[in-house]
Amino acid sequence: MKQDPRAIGAQIRMRLPQLTPLERRVAEAIIARTDITEQSSLKEIARENNVSEAMIVKITKKLNFTGFRHFRSGLIYYNQSEVAGLHAEIEPDDSSEQLLAKSFQNLYPGD
């Protein structure tokens, strides 16, 4: 059974502050990519971020995944979910009114 995509996003966001600045930069760069597929290799991701493959694995484990493949699968599932679009539009400094407006806009598009 697949994990709820909202839980995947929350799991990542909650653990980002626990990363070092370099780890956080790399994690945020990977998370920002919406083109990750099951074919995206650990080697490719490490090279794009100028870090070792071991660093990528370490980051994924700090984010509470068993390793890169588990993280990659979770991220793909999260990116394919509707909730990913909502999280992409919400900004940390949004007011309560902005949060409500964005939430309802994504729940009821076109209304």
PDB file of N, CA and C in Angstrom:
ATOM      1  N   MET A   1       0.839  -1.182   0.000  1.00  0.00           N
ATOM      2  CA  MET A   1       0.000   0.000   0.000  1.00  0.00           C
ATOM      3  C   MET A   1       0.884   1.246   0.000  1.00  0.00           C
ATOM      4  N   LYS A   2       0.575   2.170  -0.881  1.00  0.00           N
ATOM      5  CA  LYS A   2       1.351   3.412  -0.998  1.00  0.00           C
ATOM      6  C   LYS A   2       1.052   4.345   0.168  1.00  0.00           C
ATOM      7  N   GLN A   3       2.075   5.080   0.532  1.00  0.00           N
ATOM      8  CA  GLN A   3       1.934   6.097   1.577  1.00  0.00           C
ATOM      9  C   GLN A   3       1.127   7.270   1.016  1.00  0.00           C
ATOM     10  N   ASP A   4       0.394   7.944   1.869  1.00  0.00           N
ATOM     11  CA  ASP A   4      -0.366   9.129   1.480  1.00  0.00           C
ATOM     12  C   ASP A   4       0.618  10.190   0.981  1.00  0.00           C
ATOM     13  N   PRO A   5       0.393  10.771  -0.208  1.00  0.00           N
ATOM     14  CA  PRO A   5       1.338  11.763  -0.732  1.00  0.00           C
ATOM     15  C   PRO A   5       1.494  12.977   0.183  1.00  0.00           C
ATOM     16  N   ARG A   6       0.437  13.323   0.921  1.00  0.00           N
ATOM     17  CA  ARG A   6       0.551  14.455   1.857  1.00  0.00           C
ATOM     18  C   ARG A   6       1.564  14.135   2.939  1.00  0.00           C
ATOM     19  N   ALA A   7       1.618  12.875   3.358  1.00  0.00           N
ATOM     20  CA  ALA A   7       2.560  12.468   4.397  1.00  0.00           C
ATOM     21  C   ALA A   7       3.989  12.526   3.882  1.00  0.00           C
ATOM     22  N   ILE A   8       4.185  12.187   2.619  1.00  0.00           N
ATOM     23  CA  ILE A   8       5.531  12.235   2.042  1.00  0.00           C
ATOM     24  C   ILE A   8       6.042  13.678   2.050  1.00  0.00           C
ATOM     25  N   GLY A   9       5.232  14.596   1.579  1.00  0.00           N
ATOM     26  CA  GLY A   9       5.628  16.006   1.555  1.00  0.00           C
ATOM     27  C   GLY A   9       5.897  16.542   2.939  1.00  0.00           C
ATOM     28  N   ALA A  10       5.028  16.199   3.884  1.00  0.00           N
ATOM     29  CA  ALA A  10       5.191  16.664   5.267  1.00  0.00           C
ATOM     30  C   ALA A  10       6.445  16.065   5.883  1.00  0.00           C
ATOM     31  N   GLN A  11       6.686  14.801   5.624  1.00  0.00           N
ATOM     32  CA  GLN A  11       7.868  14.108   6.154  1.00  0.00           C
ATOM     33  C   GLN A  11       9.139  14.823   5.702  1.00  0.00           C
ATOM     34  N   ILE A  12       9.201  15.180   4.449  1.00  0.00           N
ATOM     35  CA  ILE A  12      10.381  15.866   3.921  1.00  0.00           C
ATOM     36  C   ILE A  12      10.508  17.257   4.528  1.00  0.00           C
ATOM     37  N   ARG A  13       9.430  18.033   4.493  1.00  0.00           N
ATOM     38  CA  ARG A  13       9.485  19.415   5.006  1.00  0.00           C
ATOM     39  C   ARG A  13       9.828  19.472   6.487  1.00  0.00           C
ATOM     40  N   MET A  14       9.315  18.523   7.275  1.00  0.00           N
ATOM     41  CA  MET A  14       9.575  18.522   8.715  1.00  0.00           C
ATOM     42  C   MET A  14      11.038  18.212   9.026  1.00  0.00           C
ATOM     43  N   ARG A  15      11.684  17.456   8.176  1.00  0.00           N
ATOM     44  CA  ARG A  15      13.057  17.040   8.459  1.00  0.00           C
ATOM     45  C   ARG A  15      14.120  17.939   7.814  1.00  0.00           C
ATOM     46  N   LEU A  16      13.732  18.803   6.899  1.00  0.00           N
ATOM     47  CA  LEU A  16      14.714  19.697   6.263  1.00  0.00           C
ATOM     48  C   LEU A  16      15.518  20.525   7.267  1.00  0.00           C
ATOM     49  N   PRO A  17      14.889  21.077   8.310  1.00  0.00           N
ATOM     50  CA  PRO A  17      15.663  21.884   9.262  1.00  0.00           C
ATOM     51  C   PRO A  17      16.762  21.095   9.983  1.00  0.00           C
ATOM     52  N   GLN A  18      16.668  19.780   9.997  1.00  0.00           N
ATOM     53  CA  GLN A  18      17.663  18.950  10.677  1.00  0.00           C
ATOM     54  C   GLN A  18      18.908  18.716   9.821  1.00  0.00           C
ATOM     55  N   LEU A  19      18.851  19.121   8.557  1.00  0.00           N
ATOM     56  CA  LEU A  19      19.978  18.917   7.656  1.00  0.00           C
ATOM     57  C   LEU A  19      20.994  20.054   7.790  1.00  0.00           C
ATOM     58  N   THR A  20      22.233  19.748   7.423  1.00  0.00           N
ATOM     59  CA  THR A  20      23.246  20.795   7.372  1.00  0.00           C
ATOM     60  C   THR A  20      22.895  21.722   6.210  1.00  0.00           C
ATOM     61  N   PRO A  21      23.473  22.928   6.143  1.00  0.00           N
ATOM     62  CA  PRO A  21      23.162  23.826   5.014  1.00  0.00           C
ATOM     63  C   PRO A  21      23.419  23.183   3.638  1.00  0.00           C
ATOM     64  N   LEU A  22      24.508  22.451   3.491  1.00  0.00           N
ATOM     65  CA  LEU A  22      24.801  21.794   2.213  1.00  0.00           C
ATOM     66  C   LEU A  22      23.764  20.716   1.927  1.00  0.00           C
ATOM     67  N   GLU A  23      23.470  19.885   2.915  1.00  0.00           N
ATOM     68  CA  GLU A  23      22.480  18.827   2.722  1.00  0.00           C
ATOM     69  C   GLU A  23      21.125  19.418   2.356  1.00  0.00           C
ATOM     70  N   ARG A  24      20.774  20.493   3.022  1.00  0.00           N
ATOM     71  CA  ARG A  24      19.478  21.132   2.760  1.00  0.00           C
ATOM     72  C   ARG A  24      19.426  21.697   1.345  1.00  0.00           C
ATOM     73  N   ARG A  25      20.497  22.334   0.908  1.00  0.00           N
ATOM     74  CA  ARG A  25      20.563  22.880  -0.450  1.00  0.00           C
ATOM     75  C   ARG A  25      20.377  21.766  -1.479  1.00  0.00           C
ATOM     76  N   VAL A  26      21.070  20.654  -1.269  1.00  0.00           N
ATOM     77  CA  VAL A  26      20.978  19.513  -2.187  1.00  0.00           C
ATOM     78  C   VAL A  26      19.565  18.919  -2.152  1.00  0.00           C
ATOM     79  N   ALA A  27      19.025  18.717  -0.957  1.00  0.00           N
ATOM     80  CA  ALA A  27      17.676  18.145  -0.829  1.00  0.00           C
ATOM     81  C   ALA A  27      16.651  19.035  -1.517  1.00  0.00           C
ATOM     82  N   GLU A  28      16.746  20.341  -1.295  1.00  0.00           N
ATOM     83  CA  GLU A  28      15.791  21.263  -1.915  1.00  0.00           C
ATOM     84  C   GLU A  28      15.927  21.270  -3.437  1.00  0.00           C
ATOM     85  N   ALA A  29      17.148  21.129  -3.940  1.00  0.00           N
ATOM     86  CA  ALA A  29      17.355  21.078  -5.393  1.00  0.00           C
ATOM     87  C   ALA A  29      16.719  19.821  -5.985  1.00  0.00           C
ATOM     88  N   ILE A  30      16.856  18.709  -5.294  1.00  0.00           N
ATOM     89  CA  ILE A  30      16.268  17.454  -5.782  1.00  0.00           C
ATOM     90  C   ILE A  30      14.749  17.535  -5.716  1.00  0.00           C
ATOM     91  N   ILE A  31      14.231  18.023  -4.610  1.00  0.00           N
ATOM     92  CA  ILE A  31      12.786  18.121  -4.414  1.00  0.00           C
ATOM     93  C   ILE A  31      12.153  19.062  -5.440  1.00  0.00           C
ATOM     94  N   ALA A  32      12.884  20.107  -5.823  1.00  0.00           N
ATOM     95  CA  ALA A  32      12.361  21.088  -6.776  1.00  0.00           C
ATOM     96  C   ALA A  32      12.222  20.507  -8.180  1.00  0.00           C
ATOM     97  N   ARG A  33      12.929  19.434  -8.449  1.00  0.00           N
ATOM     98  CA  ARG A  33      12.834  18.804  -9.779  1.00  0.00           C
ATOM     99  C   ARG A  33      11.521  18.042  -9.900  1.00  0.00           C
ATOM    100  N   THR A  34      10.790  18.338 -10.937  1.00  0.00           N
ATOM    101  CA  THR A  34       9.536  17.606 -11.156  1.00  0.00           C
ATOM    102  C   THR A  34       9.697  16.556 -12.250  1.00  0.00           C
ATOM    103  N   ASP A  35      10.911  16.441 -12.784  1.00  0.00           N
ATOM    104  CA  ASP A  35      11.153  15.502 -13.887  1.00  0.00           C
ATOM    105  C   ASP A  35      11.871  14.228 -13.431  1.00  0.00           C
ATOM    106  N   ILE A  36      11.911  13.981 -12.145  1.00  0.00           N
ATOM    107  CA  ILE A  36      12.560  12.762 -11.651  1.00  0.00           C
ATOM    108  C   ILE A  36      11.682  11.564 -12.000  1.00  0.00           C
ATOM    109  N   THR A  37      12.324  10.525 -12.519  1.00  0.00           N
ATOM    110  CA  THR A  37      11.622   9.287 -12.878  1.00  0.00           C
ATOM    111  C   THR A  37      12.337   8.117 -12.221  1.00  0.00           C
ATOM    112  N   GLU A  38      11.788   6.927 -12.386  1.00  0.00           N
ATOM    113  CA  GLU A  38      12.429   5.725 -11.849  1.00  0.00           C
ATOM    114  C   GLU A  38      13.780   5.491 -12.531  1.00  0.00           C
ATOM    115  N   GLN A  39      13.995   6.123 -13.685  1.00  0.00           N
ATOM    116  CA  GLN A  39      15.264   5.973 -14.390  1.00  0.00           C
ATOM    117  C   GLN A  39      16.317   6.986 -13.924  1.00  0.00           C
ATOM    118  N   SER A  40      15.921   7.959 -13.120  1.00  0.00           N
ATOM    119  CA  SER A  40      16.879   8.938 -12.601  1.00  0.00           C
ATOM    120  C   SER A  40      17.830   8.201 -11.660  1.00  0.00           C
ATOM    121  N   SER A  41      19.103   8.211 -12.005  1.00  0.00           N
ATOM    122  CA  SER A  41      20.061   7.427 -11.228  1.00  0.00           C
ATOM    123  C   SER A  41      20.677   8.239 -10.094  1.00  0.00           C
ATOM    124  N   LEU A  42      21.125   7.517  -9.109  1.00  0.00           N
ATOM    125  CA  LEU A  42      21.826   8.116  -7.980  1.00  0.00           C
ATOM    126  C   LEU A  42      23.050   8.869  -8.480  1.00  0.00           C
ATOM    127  N   LYS A  43      23.770   8.260  -9.406  1.00  0.00           N
ATOM    128  CA  LYS A  43      24.979   8.867  -9.973  1.00  0.00           C
ATOM    129  C   LYS A  43      24.648  10.199 -10.643  1.00  0.00           C
ATOM    130  N   GLU A  44      23.579  10.224 -11.434  1.00  0.00           N
ATOM    131  CA  GLU A  44      23.137  11.431 -12.144  1.00  0.00           C
ATOM    132  C   GLU A  44      22.764  12.544 -11.160  1.00  0.00           C
ATOM    133  N   ILE A  45      21.996  12.213 -10.139  1.00  0.00           N
ATOM    134  CA  ILE A  45      21.558  13.200  -9.145  1.00  0.00           C
ATOM    135  C   ILE A  45      22.770  13.757  -8.387  1.00  0.00           C
ATOM    136  N   ALA A  46      23.698  12.878  -8.011  1.00  0.00           N
ATOM    137  CA  ALA A  46      24.901  13.313  -7.289  1.00  0.00           C
ATOM    138  C   ALA A  46      25.740  14.244  -8.166  1.00  0.00           C
ATOM    139  N   ARG A  47      25.916  13.876  -9.419  1.00  0.00           N
ATOM    140  CA  ARG A  47      26.724  14.688 -10.349  1.00  0.00           C
ATOM    141  C   ARG A  47      26.086  16.058 -10.554  1.00  0.00           C
ATOM    142  N   GLU A  48      24.771  16.109 -10.729  1.00  0.00           N
ATOM    143  CA  GLU A  48      24.075  17.388 -10.941  1.00  0.00           C
ATOM    144  C   GLU A  48      24.218  18.332  -9.745  1.00  0.00           C
ATOM    145  N   ASN A  49      24.375  17.760  -8.552  1.00  0.00           N
ATOM    146  CA  ASN A  49      24.461  18.557  -7.333  1.00  0.00           C
ATOM    147  C   ASN A  49      25.889  18.700  -6.802  1.00  0.00           C
ATOM    148  N   ASN A  50      26.838  18.197  -7.564  1.00  0.00           N
ATOM    149  CA  ASN A  50      28.261  18.285  -7.202  1.00  0.00           C
ATOM    150  C   ASN A  50      28.560  17.713  -5.820  1.00  0.00           C
ATOM    151  N   VAL A  51      27.929  16.580  -5.508  1.00  0.00           N
ATOM    152  CA  VAL A  51      28.186  15.884  -4.249  1.00  0.00           C
ATOM    153  C   VAL A  51      28.367  14.396  -4.556  1.00  0.00           C
ATOM    154  N   SER A  52      28.829  13.651  -3.566  1.00  0.00           N
ATOM    155  CA  SER A  52      29.029  12.214  -3.747  1.00  0.00           C
ATOM    156  C   SER A  52      27.699  11.470  -3.676  1.00  0.00           C
ATOM    157  N   GLU A  53      27.718  10.258  -4.225  1.00  0.00           N
ATOM    158  CA  GLU A  53      26.531   9.407  -4.131  1.00  0.00           C
ATOM    159  C   GLU A  53      26.236   9.097  -2.663  1.00  0.00           C
ATOM    160  N   ALA A  54      27.283   8.930  -1.872  1.00  0.00           N
ATOM    161  CA  ALA A  54      27.109   8.656  -0.441  1.00  0.00           C
ATOM    162  C   ALA A  54      26.377   9.812   0.247  1.00  0.00           C
ATOM    163  N   MET A  55      26.663  11.041  -0.174  1.00  0.00           N
ATOM    164  CA  MET A  55      25.996  12.216   0.413  1.00  0.00           C
ATOM    165  C   MET A  55      24.499  12.168   0.102  1.00  0.00           C
ATOM    166  N   ILE A  56      24.135  11.798  -1.112  1.00  0.00           N
ATOM    167  CA  ILE A  56      22.714  11.707  -1.490  1.00  0.00           C
ATOM    168  C   ILE A  56      22.016  10.661  -0.626  1.00  0.00           C
ATOM    169  N   VAL A  57      22.633   9.503  -0.464  1.00  0.00           N
ATOM    170  CA  VAL A  57      22.053   8.432   0.350  1.00  0.00           C
ATOM    171  C   VAL A  57      21.906   8.906   1.795  1.00  0.00           C
ATOM    172  N   LYS A  58      22.921   9.577   2.319  1.00  0.00           N
ATOM    173  CA  LYS A  58      22.879  10.095   3.693  1.00  0.00           C
ATOM    174  C   LYS A  58      21.706  11.062   3.866  1.00  0.00           C
ATOM    175  N   ILE A  59      21.510  11.945   2.888  1.00  0.00           N
ATOM    176  CA  ILE A  59      20.405  12.915   2.944  1.00  0.00           C
ATOM    177  C   ILE A  59      19.070  12.184   2.945  1.00  0.00           C
ATOM    178  N   THR A  60      18.914  11.210   2.063  1.00  0.00           N
ATOM    179  CA  THR A  60      17.626  10.501   1.988  1.00  0.00           C
ATOM    180  C   THR A  60      17.327   9.776   3.296  1.00  0.00           C
ATOM    181  N   LYS A  61      18.352   9.249   3.934  1.00  0.00           N
ATOM    182  CA  LYS A  61      18.142   8.565   5.217  1.00  0.00           C
ATOM    183  C   LYS A  61      17.789   9.564   6.309  1.00  0.00           C
ATOM    184  N   LYS A  62      18.394  10.750   6.280  1.00  0.00           N
ATOM    185  CA  LYS A  62      18.049  11.783   7.256  1.00  0.00           C
ATOM    186  C   LYS A  62      16.613  12.261   7.054  1.00  0.00           C
ATOM    187  N   LEU A  63      16.092  12.127   5.829  1.00  0.00           N
ATOM    188  CA  LEU A  63      14.712  12.502   5.529  1.00  0.00           C
ATOM    189  C   LEU A  63      13.753  11.344   5.824  1.00  0.00           C
ATOM    190  N   ASN A  64      14.290  10.289   6.448  1.00  0.00           N
ATOM    191  CA  ASN A  64      13.504   9.148   6.917  1.00  0.00           C
ATOM    192  C   ASN A  64      13.076   8.188   5.804  1.00  0.00           C
ATOM    193  N   PHE A  65      13.892   8.080   4.768  1.00  0.00           N
ATOM    194  CA  PHE A  65      13.680   7.079   3.723  1.00  0.00           C
ATOM    195  C   PHE A  65      14.748   6.006   3.913  1.00  0.00           C
ATOM    196  N   THR A  66      14.517   4.807   3.390  1.00  0.00           N
ATOM    197  CA  THR A  66      15.490   3.731   3.562  1.00  0.00           C
ATOM    198  C   THR A  66      16.712   3.918   2.672  1.00  0.00           C
ATOM    199  N   GLY A  67      16.597   4.755   1.667  1.00  0.00           N
ATOM    200  CA  GLY A  67      17.707   5.011   0.757  1.00  0.00           C
ATOM    201  C   GLY A  67      17.226   5.798  -0.444  1.00  0.00           C
ATOM    202  N   PHE A  68      18.092   5.915  -1.447  1.00  0.00           N
ATOM    203  CA  PHE A  68      17.774   6.746  -2.612  1.00  0.00           C
ATOM    204  C   PHE A  68      16.560   6.229  -3.375  1.00  0.00           C
ATOM    205  N   ARG A  69      16.487   4.923  -3.609  1.00  0.00           N
ATOM    206  CA  ARG A  69      15.359   4.382  -4.394  1.00  0.00           C
ATOM    207  C   ARG A  69      14.022   4.651  -3.709  1.00  0.00           C
ATOM    208  N   HIS A  70      13.967   4.466  -2.409  1.00  0.00           N
ATOM    209  CA  HIS A  70      12.745   4.717  -1.643  1.00  0.00           C
ATOM    210  C   HIS A  70      12.379   6.201  -1.726  1.00  0.00           C
ATOM    211  N   PHE A  71      13.379   7.068  -1.576  1.00  0.00           N
ATOM    212  CA  PHE A  71      13.168   8.516  -1.677  1.00  0.00           C
ATOM    213  C   PHE A  71      12.676   8.886  -3.074  1.00  0.00           C
ATOM    214  N   ARG A  72      13.342   8.354  -4.099  1.00  0.00           N
ATOM    215  CA  ARG A  72      12.970   8.652  -5.489  1.00  0.00           C
ATOM    216  C   ARG A  72      11.530   8.208  -5.760  1.00  0.00           C
ATOM    217  N   SER A  73      11.155   7.025  -5.331  1.00  0.00           N
ATOM    218  CA  SER A  73       9.786   6.532  -5.542  1.00  0.00           C
ATOM    219  C   SER A  73       8.772   7.407  -4.813  1.00  0.00           C
ATOM    220  N   GLY A  74       9.096   7.771  -3.574  1.00  0.00           N
ATOM    221  CA  GLY A  74       8.208   8.640  -2.809  1.00  0.00           C
ATOM    222  C   GLY A  74       8.043  10.002  -3.455  1.00  0.00           C
ATOM    223  N   LEU A  75       9.141  10.545  -3.946  1.00  0.00           N
ATOM    224  CA  LEU A  75       9.111  11.861  -4.589  1.00  0.00           C
ATOM    225  C   LEU A  75       8.304  11.823  -5.887  1.00  0.00           C
ATOM    226  N   ILE A  76       8.455  10.768  -6.658  1.00  0.00           N
ATOM    227  CA  ILE A  76       7.682  10.619  -7.901  1.00  0.00           C
ATOM    228  C   ILE A  76       6.189  10.550  -7.570  1.00  0.00           C
ATOM    229  N   TYR A  77       5.836   9.747  -6.594  1.00  0.00           N
ATOM    230  CA  TYR A  77       4.442   9.601  -6.183  1.00  0.00           C
ATOM    231  C   TYR A  77       3.889  10.935  -5.688  1.00  0.00           C
ATOM    232  N   TYR A  78       4.681  11.627  -4.878  1.00  0.00           N
ATOM    233  CA  TYR A  78       4.271  12.934  -4.355  1.00  0.00           C
ATOM    234  C   TYR A  78       4.075  13.925  -5.504  1.00  0.00           C
ATOM    235  N   ASN A  79       5.015  13.970  -6.447  1.00  0.00           N
ATOM    236  CA  ASN A  79       4.927  14.915  -7.574  1.00  0.00           C
ATOM    237  C   ASN A  79       3.733  14.637  -8.473  1.00  0.00           C
ATOM    238  N   GLN A  80       3.295  13.387  -8.541  1.00  0.00           N
ATOM    239  CA  GLN A  80       2.145  13.034  -9.378  1.00  0.00           C
ATOM    240  C   GLN A  80       0.816  13.320  -8.685  1.00  0.00           C
ATOM    241  N   SER A  81       0.870  13.589  -7.395  1.00  0.00           N
ATOM    242  CA  SER A  81      -0.363  13.825  -6.644  1.00  0.00           C
ATOM    243  C   SER A  81      -0.805  15.275  -6.778  1.00  0.00           C
ATOM    244  N   GLU A  82      -2.061  15.504  -6.521  1.00  0.00           N
ATOM    245  CA  GLU A  82      -2.606  16.861  -6.581  1.00  0.00           C
ATOM    246  C   GLU A  82      -2.045  17.733  -5.470  1.00  0.00           C
ATOM    247  N   VAL A  83      -1.693  17.118  -4.350  1.00  0.00           N
ATOM    248  CA  VAL A  83      -1.218  17.884  -3.202  1.00  0.00           C
ATOM    249  C   VAL A  83       0.112  18.572  -3.502  1.00  0.00           C
ATOM    250  N   ALA A  84       0.907  18.026  -4.406  1.00  0.00           N
ATOM    251  CA  ALA A  84       2.194  18.644  -4.739  1.00  0.00           C
ATOM    252  C   ALA A  84       1.984  20.036  -5.321  1.00  0.00           C
ATOM    253  N   GLY A  85       0.969  20.197  -6.150  1.00  0.00           N
ATOM    254  CA  GLY A  85       0.674  21.513  -6.725  1.00  0.00           C
ATOM    255  C   GLY A  85       0.312  22.525  -5.661  1.00  0.00           C
ATOM    256  N   LEU A  86      -0.432  22.085  -4.668  1.00  0.00           N
ATOM    257  CA  LEU A  86      -0.818  22.974  -3.575  1.00  0.00           C
ATOM    258  C   LEU A  86       0.413  23.421  -2.801  1.00  0.00           C
ATOM    259  N   HIS A  87       1.295  22.491  -2.456  1.00  0.00           N
ATOM    260  CA  HIS A  87       2.488  22.841  -1.695  1.00  0.00           C
ATOM    261  C   HIS A  87       3.422  23.727  -2.499  1.00  0.00           C
ATOM    262  N   ALA A  88       3.435  23.573  -3.811  1.00  0.00           N
ATOM    263  CA  ALA A  88       4.316  24.387  -4.648  1.00  0.00           C
ATOM    264  C   ALA A  88       3.869  25.843  -4.652  1.00  0.00           C
ATOM    265  N   GLU A  89       2.573  26.083  -4.468  1.00  0.00           N
ATOM    266  CA  GLU A  89       2.063  27.450  -4.516  1.00  0.00           C
ATOM    267  C   GLU A  89       2.084  28.151  -3.174  1.00  0.00           C
ATOM    268  N   ILE A  90       2.100  27.402  -2.091  1.00  0.00           N
ATOM    269  CA  ILE A  90       2.082  28.006  -0.758  1.00  0.00           C
ATOM    270  C   ILE A  90       3.483  28.471  -0.393  1.00  0.00           C
ATOM    271  N   GLU A  91       3.569  29.708   0.055  1.00  0.00           N
ATOM    272  CA  GLU A  91       4.844  30.295   0.464  1.00  0.00           C
ATOM    273  C   GLU A  91       4.884  30.432   1.980  1.00  0.00           C
ATOM    274  N   PRO A  92       6.085  30.337   2.575  1.00  0.00           N
ATOM    275  CA  PRO A  92       6.189  30.430   4.036  1.00  0.00           C
ATOM    276  C   PRO A  92       5.634  31.725   4.631  1.00  0.00           C
ATOM    277  N   ASP A  93       5.687  32.823   3.879  1.00  0.00           N
ATOM    278  CA  ASP A  93       5.230  34.100   4.421  1.00  0.00           C
ATOM    279  C   ASP A  93       3.797  34.452   3.995  1.00  0.00           C
ATOM    280  N   ASP A  94       3.053  33.468   3.465  1.00  0.00           N
ATOM    281  CA  ASP A  94       1.655  33.712   3.102  1.00  0.00           C
ATOM    282  C   ASP A  94       0.827  34.011   4.351  1.00  0.00           C
ATOM    283  N   SER A  95      -0.100  34.946   4.216  1.00  0.00           N
ATOM    284  CA  SER A  95      -1.016  35.251   5.320  1.00  0.00           C
ATOM    285  C   SER A  95      -2.064  34.143   5.414  1.00  0.00           C
ATOM    286  N   SER A  96      -2.821  34.149   6.496  1.00  0.00           N
ATOM    287  CA  SER A  96      -3.895  33.168   6.669  1.00  0.00           C
ATOM    288  C   SER A  96      -4.881  33.247   5.512  1.00  0.00           C
ATOM    289  N   GLU A  97      -5.190  34.478   5.090  1.00  0.00           N
ATOM    290  CA  GLU A  97      -6.137  34.669   3.984  1.00  0.00           C
ATOM    291  C   GLU A  97      -5.570  34.085   2.690  1.00  0.00           C
ATOM    292  N   GLN A  98      -4.283  34.292   2.454  1.00  0.00           N
ATOM    293  CA  GLN A  98      -3.662  33.753   1.242  1.00  0.00           C
ATOM    294  C   GLN A  98      -3.650  32.224   1.276  1.00  0.00           C
ATOM    295  N   LEU A  99      -3.349  31.663   2.448  1.00  0.00           N
ATOM    296  CA  LEU A  99      -3.356  30.203   2.578  1.00  0.00           C
ATOM    297  C   LEU A  99      -4.735  29.634   2.271  1.00  0.00           C
ATOM    298  N   LEU A 100      -5.765  30.237   2.831  1.00  0.00           N
ATOM    299  CA  LEU A 100      -7.130  29.775   2.577  1.00  0.00           C
ATOM    300  C   LEU A 100      -7.489  29.892   1.104  1.00  0.00           C
ATOM    301  N   ALA A 101      -7.171  31.040   0.515  1.00  0.00           N
ATOM    302  CA  ALA A 101      -7.496  31.256  -0.895  1.00  0.00           C
ATOM    303  C   ALA A 101      -6.790  30.224  -1.778  1.00  0.00           C
ATOM    304  N   LYS A 102      -5.508  29.979  -1.516  1.00  0.00           N
ATOM    305  CA  LYS A 102      -4.755  29.013  -2.325  1.00  0.00           C
ATOM    306  C   LYS A 102      -5.278  27.600  -2.113  1.00  0.00           C
ATOM    307  N   SER A 103      -5.631  27.267  -0.877  1.00  0.00           N
ATOM    308  CA  SER A 103      -6.146  25.932  -0.586  1.00  0.00           C
ATOM    309  C   SER A 103      -7.447  25.672  -1.336  1.00  0.00           C
ATOM    310  N   PHE A 104      -8.367  26.627  -1.256  1.00  0.00           N
ATOM    311  CA  PHE A 104      -9.648  26.444  -1.932  1.00  0.00           C
ATOM    312  C   PHE A 104      -9.509  26.511  -3.444  1.00  0.00           C
ATOM    313  N   GLN A 105      -8.582  27.304  -3.924  1.00  0.00           N
ATOM    314  CA  GLN A 105      -8.342  27.390  -5.363  1.00  0.00           C
ATOM    315  C   GLN A 105      -7.892  26.023  -5.893  1.00  0.00           C
ATOM    316  N   ASN A 106      -7.047  25.312  -5.128  1.00  0.00           N
ATOM    317  CA  ASN A 106      -6.576  24.002  -5.557  1.00  0.00           C
ATOM    318  C   ASN A 106      -7.590  22.903  -5.323  1.00  0.00           C
ATOM    319  N   LEU A 107      -8.420  23.058  -4.303  1.00  0.00           N
ATOM    320  CA  LEU A 107      -9.446  22.052  -4.043  1.00  0.00           C
ATOM    321  C   LEU A 107     -10.589  22.145  -5.050  1.00  0.00           C
ATOM    322  N   TYR A 108     -10.902  23.365  -5.442  1.00  0.00           N
ATOM    323  CA  TYR A 108     -12.013  23.590  -6.360  1.00  0.00           C
ATOM    324  C   TYR A 108     -11.576  24.453  -7.536  1.00  0.00           C
ATOM    325  N   PRO A 109     -10.667  23.902  -8.385  1.00  0.00           N
ATOM    326  CA  PRO A 109     -10.187  24.714  -9.504  1.00  0.00           C
ATOM    327  C   PRO A 109     -11.337  25.103 -10.429  1.00  0.00           C
ATOM    328  N   GLY A 110     -11.288  26.303 -10.903  1.00  0.00           N
ATOM    329  CA  GLY A 110     -12.310  26.792 -11.819  1.00  0.00           C
ATOM    330  C   GLY A 110     -13.518  27.390 -11.158  1.00  0.00           C
ATOM    331  N   ASP A 111     -13.618  27.286  -9.830  1.00  0.00           N
ATOM    332  CA  ASP A 111     -14.769  27.878  -9.114  1.00  0.00           C
ATOM    333  C   ASP A 111     -14.566  29.348  -8.881  1.00  0.00           C
TER     334      ASP A 111
END
